[in-house]
Amino acid sequence: MAADETSIKVSAAARDRLAVLAAERGTTIRRLVEELAEGMPTQAEYAERAGLARAELASALGSAPSPEAEAKARALLQRLGAPQGPQAAA
């Protein structure tokens, strides 16, 4: 194993599912897990994005959206099936 590599213990069922998912995408389990790790934002990244979105809205509208407006927007996105970040980030 190279110095920048590690191993992760998962159940046999999880390993088997990862193998199927990787095969369906024409990739390896390793690459599938790396893509997940690279592509899924952390809570800090969600919070940063939320702050940038608030600043952009404040710039465009002249004021930031109220907590009530943000809650309504989150509820609408949830009803539409959009992936949701941590609520603490909003």
N, C-alpha and C. Protein backbone atom coordinates (compact mmCIF):
# COMPACT_ATOMS: atom_id res chain seq x y z
N MET A 1 0.85 -1.17 0.00
CA MET A 1 0.00 0.00 0.00
C MET A 1 0.89 1.24 0.00
N ALA A 2 0.60 2.18 -0.88
CA ALA A 2 1.37 3.42 -0.97
C ALA A 2 1.15 4.27 0.27
N ALA A 3 2.05 5.22 0.49
CA ALA A 3 2.00 6.07 1.68
C ALA A 3 0.72 6.90 1.75
N ASP A 4 0.15 7.26 0.61
CA ASP A 4 -1.06 8.10 0.61
C ASP A 4 -2.35 7.28 0.50
N GLU A 5 -2.26 5.97 0.77
CA GLU A 5 -3.43 5.11 0.69
C GLU A 5 -3.79 4.59 2.07
N THR A 6 -5.04 4.24 2.23
CA THR A 6 -5.53 3.62 3.46
C THR A 6 -6.61 2.63 3.09
N SER A 7 -7.09 1.90 4.05
CA SER A 7 -8.19 0.98 3.79
C SER A 7 -9.35 1.36 4.69
N ILE A 8 -10.55 1.02 4.25
CA ILE A 8 -11.77 1.32 4.99
C ILE A 8 -12.51 0.02 5.18
N LYS A 9 -12.92 -0.25 6.42
CA LYS A 9 -13.67 -1.47 6.70
C LYS A 9 -15.16 -1.20 6.56
N VAL A 10 -15.83 -2.00 5.75
CA VAL A 10 -17.28 -1.94 5.59
C VAL A 10 -17.81 -3.36 5.65
N SER A 11 -19.10 -3.49 5.80
CA SER A 11 -19.70 -4.83 5.81
C SER A 11 -19.56 -5.46 4.43
N ALA A 12 -19.68 -6.76 4.40
CA ALA A 12 -19.62 -7.46 3.12
C ALA A 12 -20.75 -7.01 2.21
N ALA A 13 -21.91 -6.74 2.79
CA ALA A 13 -23.05 -6.28 1.99
C ALA A 13 -22.76 -4.93 1.36
N ALA A 14 -22.15 -4.03 2.13
CA ALA A 14 -21.81 -2.71 1.58
C ALA A 14 -20.76 -2.85 0.49
N ARG A 15 -19.76 -3.69 0.71
CA ARG A 15 -18.73 -3.93 -0.31
C ARG A 15 -19.35 -4.46 -1.59
N ASP A 16 -20.26 -5.43 -1.45
CA ASP A 16 -20.90 -6.01 -2.63
C ASP A 16 -21.73 -4.98 -3.38
N ARG A 17 -22.44 -4.15 -2.64
CA ARG A 17 -23.24 -3.09 -3.29
C ARG A 17 -22.33 -2.10 -3.99
N LEU A 18 -21.23 -1.71 -3.34
CA LEU A 18 -20.29 -0.80 -3.98
C LEU A 18 -19.72 -1.41 -5.26
N ALA A 19 -19.47 -2.70 -5.24
CA ALA A 19 -18.94 -3.38 -6.43
C ALA A 19 -19.95 -3.31 -7.58
N VAL A 20 -21.23 -3.53 -7.28
CA VAL A 20 -22.27 -3.45 -8.31
C VAL A 20 -22.37 -2.02 -8.84
N LEU A 21 -22.41 -1.04 -7.93
CA LEU A 21 -22.50 0.36 -8.35
C LEU A 21 -21.31 0.76 -9.21
N ALA A 22 -20.13 0.34 -8.81
CA ALA A 22 -18.93 0.66 -9.58
C ALA A 22 -18.97 0.01 -10.96
N ALA A 23 -19.36 -1.25 -11.00
CA ALA A 23 -19.44 -1.95 -12.29
C ALA A 23 -20.44 -1.29 -13.22
N GLU A 24 -21.59 -0.87 -12.68
CA GLU A 24 -22.60 -0.20 -13.50
C GLU A 24 -22.07 1.11 -14.09
N ARG A 25 -21.14 1.73 -13.40
CA ARG A 25 -20.57 3.00 -13.88
C ARG A 25 -19.26 2.81 -14.63
N GLY A 26 -18.84 1.55 -14.77
CA GLY A 26 -17.60 1.27 -15.49
C GLY A 26 -16.37 1.78 -14.76
N THR A 27 -16.39 1.71 -13.43
CA THR A 27 -15.27 2.21 -12.64
C THR A 27 -14.95 1.21 -11.54
N THR A 28 -14.09 1.59 -10.65
CA THR A 28 -13.71 0.74 -9.53
C THR A 28 -14.36 1.24 -8.24
N ILE A 29 -14.38 0.38 -7.23
CA ILE A 29 -14.89 0.81 -5.93
C ILE A 29 -14.05 1.96 -5.43
N ARG A 30 -12.75 1.86 -5.59
CA ARG A 30 -11.86 2.93 -5.14
C ARG A 30 -12.26 4.27 -5.76
N ARG A 31 -12.43 4.30 -7.07
CA ARG A 31 -12.77 5.56 -7.74
C ARG A 31 -14.16 6.04 -7.34
N LEU A 32 -15.10 5.10 -7.17
CA LEU A 32 -16.45 5.45 -6.75
C LEU A 32 -16.41 6.15 -5.39
N VAL A 33 -15.68 5.61 -4.45
CA VAL A 33 -15.57 6.20 -3.11
C VAL A 33 -14.84 7.54 -3.19
N GLU A 34 -13.79 7.62 -4.00
CA GLU A 34 -13.07 8.89 -4.16
C GLU A 34 -13.98 9.97 -4.74
N GLU A 35 -14.80 9.61 -5.73
CA GLU A 35 -15.73 10.58 -6.33
C GLU A 35 -16.76 11.05 -5.31
N LEU A 36 -17.22 10.13 -4.47
CA LEU A 36 -18.16 10.51 -3.42
C LEU A 36 -17.50 11.50 -2.45
N ALA A 37 -16.31 11.18 -2.02
CA ALA A 37 -15.60 12.05 -1.07
C ALA A 37 -15.30 13.41 -1.68
N GLU A 38 -14.96 13.45 -2.95
CA GLU A 38 -14.64 14.71 -3.62
C GLU A 38 -15.89 15.52 -3.94
N GLY A 39 -16.99 14.84 -4.21
CA GLY A 39 -18.18 15.52 -4.71
C GLY A 39 -19.21 15.91 -3.67
N MET A 40 -19.11 15.38 -2.46
CA MET A 40 -20.11 15.68 -1.43
C MET A 40 -19.58 16.78 -0.52
N PRO A 41 -20.27 17.90 -0.48
CA PRO A 41 -19.80 19.01 0.36
C PRO A 41 -19.85 18.68 1.85
N THR A 42 -18.91 19.24 2.58
CA THR A 42 -18.91 19.14 4.03
C THR A 42 -19.88 20.16 4.60
N GLN A 43 -20.17 20.08 5.89
CA GLN A 43 -21.05 21.06 6.51
C GLN A 43 -20.46 22.46 6.39
N ALA A 44 -19.15 22.58 6.53
CA ALA A 44 -18.51 23.89 6.39
C ALA A 44 -18.67 24.43 4.97
N GLU A 45 -18.57 23.56 3.98
CA GLU A 45 -18.75 24.00 2.59
C GLU A 45 -20.20 24.40 2.32
N TYR A 46 -21.16 23.65 2.88
CA TYR A 46 -22.56 24.05 2.75
C TYR A 46 -22.78 25.42 3.38
N ALA A 47 -22.22 25.63 4.56
CA ALA A 47 -22.37 26.92 5.25
C ALA A 47 -21.76 28.05 4.43
N GLU A 48 -20.61 27.80 3.84
CA GLU A 48 -19.97 28.81 3.00
C GLU A 48 -20.85 29.13 1.79
N ARG A 49 -21.38 28.10 1.15
CA ARG A 49 -22.26 28.31 0.00
C ARG A 49 -23.51 29.09 0.39
N ALA A 50 -24.08 28.76 1.55
CA ALA A 50 -25.27 29.46 2.01
C ALA A 50 -24.95 30.93 2.24
N GLY A 51 -23.80 31.22 2.84
CA GLY A 51 -23.40 32.60 3.06
C GLY A 51 -23.20 33.35 1.76
N LEU A 52 -22.59 32.71 0.78
CA LEU A 52 -22.41 33.34 -0.53
C LEU A 52 -23.75 33.60 -1.21
N ALA A 53 -24.67 32.65 -1.08
CA ALA A 53 -26.00 32.82 -1.68
C ALA A 53 -26.74 33.98 -1.01
N ARG A 54 -26.66 34.06 0.33
CA ARG A 54 -27.30 35.17 1.04
C ARG A 54 -26.72 36.52 0.59
N ALA A 55 -25.40 36.58 0.46
CA ALA A 55 -24.75 37.82 0.05
C ALA A 55 -25.16 38.20 -1.37
N GLU A 56 -25.27 37.22 -2.24
CA GLU A 56 -25.69 37.49 -3.62
C GLU A 56 -27.13 37.99 -3.66
N LEU A 57 -28.00 37.35 -2.89
CA LEU A 57 -29.39 37.80 -2.82
C LEU A 57 -29.48 39.20 -2.22
N ALA A 58 -28.73 39.46 -1.19
CA ALA A 58 -28.75 40.79 -0.57
C ALA A 58 -28.27 41.84 -1.56
N SER A 59 -27.27 41.49 -2.36
CA SER A 59 -26.76 42.42 -3.36
C SER A 59 -27.80 42.69 -4.45
N ALA A 60 -28.47 41.62 -4.88
CA ALA A 60 -29.44 41.76 -5.96
C ALA A 60 -30.75 42.39 -5.49
N LEU A 61 -31.17 42.06 -4.27
CA LEU A 61 -32.48 42.50 -3.78
C LEU A 61 -32.41 43.70 -2.84
N GLY A 62 -31.23 44.00 -2.37
CA GLY A 62 -31.09 45.10 -1.43
C GLY A 62 -31.19 44.68 0.02
N SER A 63 -31.58 43.45 0.28
CA SER A 63 -31.61 42.92 1.65
C SER A 63 -31.54 41.39 1.58
N ALA A 64 -31.08 40.81 2.66
CA ALA A 64 -30.98 39.35 2.72
C ALA A 64 -32.37 38.76 2.98
N PRO A 65 -32.62 37.55 2.53
CA PRO A 65 -33.91 36.92 2.79
C PRO A 65 -34.08 36.67 4.29
N SER A 66 -35.31 36.75 4.76
CA SER A 66 -35.61 36.50 6.16
C SER A 66 -35.48 35.00 6.45
N PRO A 67 -35.34 34.64 7.72
CA PRO A 67 -35.33 33.22 8.06
C PRO A 67 -36.59 32.50 7.59
N GLU A 68 -37.72 33.20 7.62
CA GLU A 68 -38.98 32.59 7.16
C GLU A 68 -38.92 32.31 5.65
N ALA A 69 -38.37 33.25 4.88
CA ALA A 69 -38.25 33.05 3.43
C ALA A 69 -37.30 31.90 3.13
N GLU A 70 -36.21 31.80 3.89
CA GLU A 70 -35.28 30.69 3.70
C GLU A 70 -35.96 29.36 4.01
N ALA A 71 -36.75 29.31 5.08
CA ALA A 71 -37.46 28.08 5.44
C ALA A 71 -38.44 27.68 4.35
N LYS A 72 -39.15 28.65 3.79
CA LYS A 72 -40.08 28.35 2.69
C LYS A 72 -39.34 27.83 1.47
N ALA A 73 -38.20 28.42 1.17
CA ALA A 73 -37.41 27.97 0.02
C ALA A 73 -36.91 26.55 0.25
N ARG A 74 -36.43 26.26 1.47
CA ARG A 74 -35.97 24.90 1.79
C ARG A 74 -37.11 23.90 1.65
N ALA A 75 -38.29 24.27 2.14
CA ALA A 75 -39.45 23.38 2.06
C ALA A 75 -39.83 23.11 0.61
N LEU A 76 -39.79 24.14 -0.22
CA LEU A 76 -40.09 23.97 -1.64
C LEU A 76 -39.08 23.04 -2.30
N LEU A 77 -37.79 23.24 -2.03
CA LEU A 77 -36.77 22.37 -2.60
C LEU A 77 -36.96 20.93 -2.15
N GLN A 78 -37.32 20.75 -0.89
CA GLN A 78 -37.54 19.40 -0.38
C GLN A 78 -38.72 18.74 -1.10
N ARG A 79 -39.80 19.49 -1.30
CA ARG A 79 -40.96 18.95 -2.02
C ARG A 79 -40.60 18.59 -3.46
N LEU A 80 -39.69 19.35 -4.05
CA LEU A 80 -39.27 19.10 -5.42
C LEU A 80 -38.25 17.98 -5.51
N GLY A 81 -37.77 17.52 -4.36
CA GLY A 81 -36.83 16.40 -4.36
C GLY A 81 -35.38 16.79 -4.49
N ALA A 82 -35.06 18.04 -4.28
CA ALA A 82 -33.66 18.47 -4.39
C ALA A 82 -32.86 17.94 -3.21
N PRO A 83 -31.59 17.57 -3.45
CA PRO A 83 -30.76 17.16 -2.33
C PRO A 83 -30.61 18.28 -1.33
N GLN A 84 -30.62 17.95 -0.07
CA GLN A 84 -30.56 18.97 0.98
C GLN A 84 -29.26 18.86 1.75
N GLY A 85 -28.66 19.99 2.00
CA GLY A 85 -27.50 20.05 2.87
C GLY A 85 -27.95 20.14 4.31
N PRO A 86 -27.01 20.16 5.22
CA PRO A 86 -27.36 20.25 6.64
C PRO A 86 -28.16 21.53 6.92
N GLN A 87 -29.18 21.43 7.73
CA GLN A 87 -30.01 22.59 8.07
C GLN A 87 -29.19 23.65 8.77
N ALA A 88 -28.16 23.26 9.49
CA ALA A 88 -27.34 24.23 10.22
C ALA A 88 -26.60 25.15 9.26
N ALA A 89 -26.42 24.73 8.02
CA ALA A 89 -25.66 25.53 7.07
C ALA A 89 -26.49 26.67 6.51
N ALA A 90 -27.78 26.60 6.65
CA ALA A 90 -28.63 27.62 6.05
C ALA A 90 -28.78 28.84 6.93
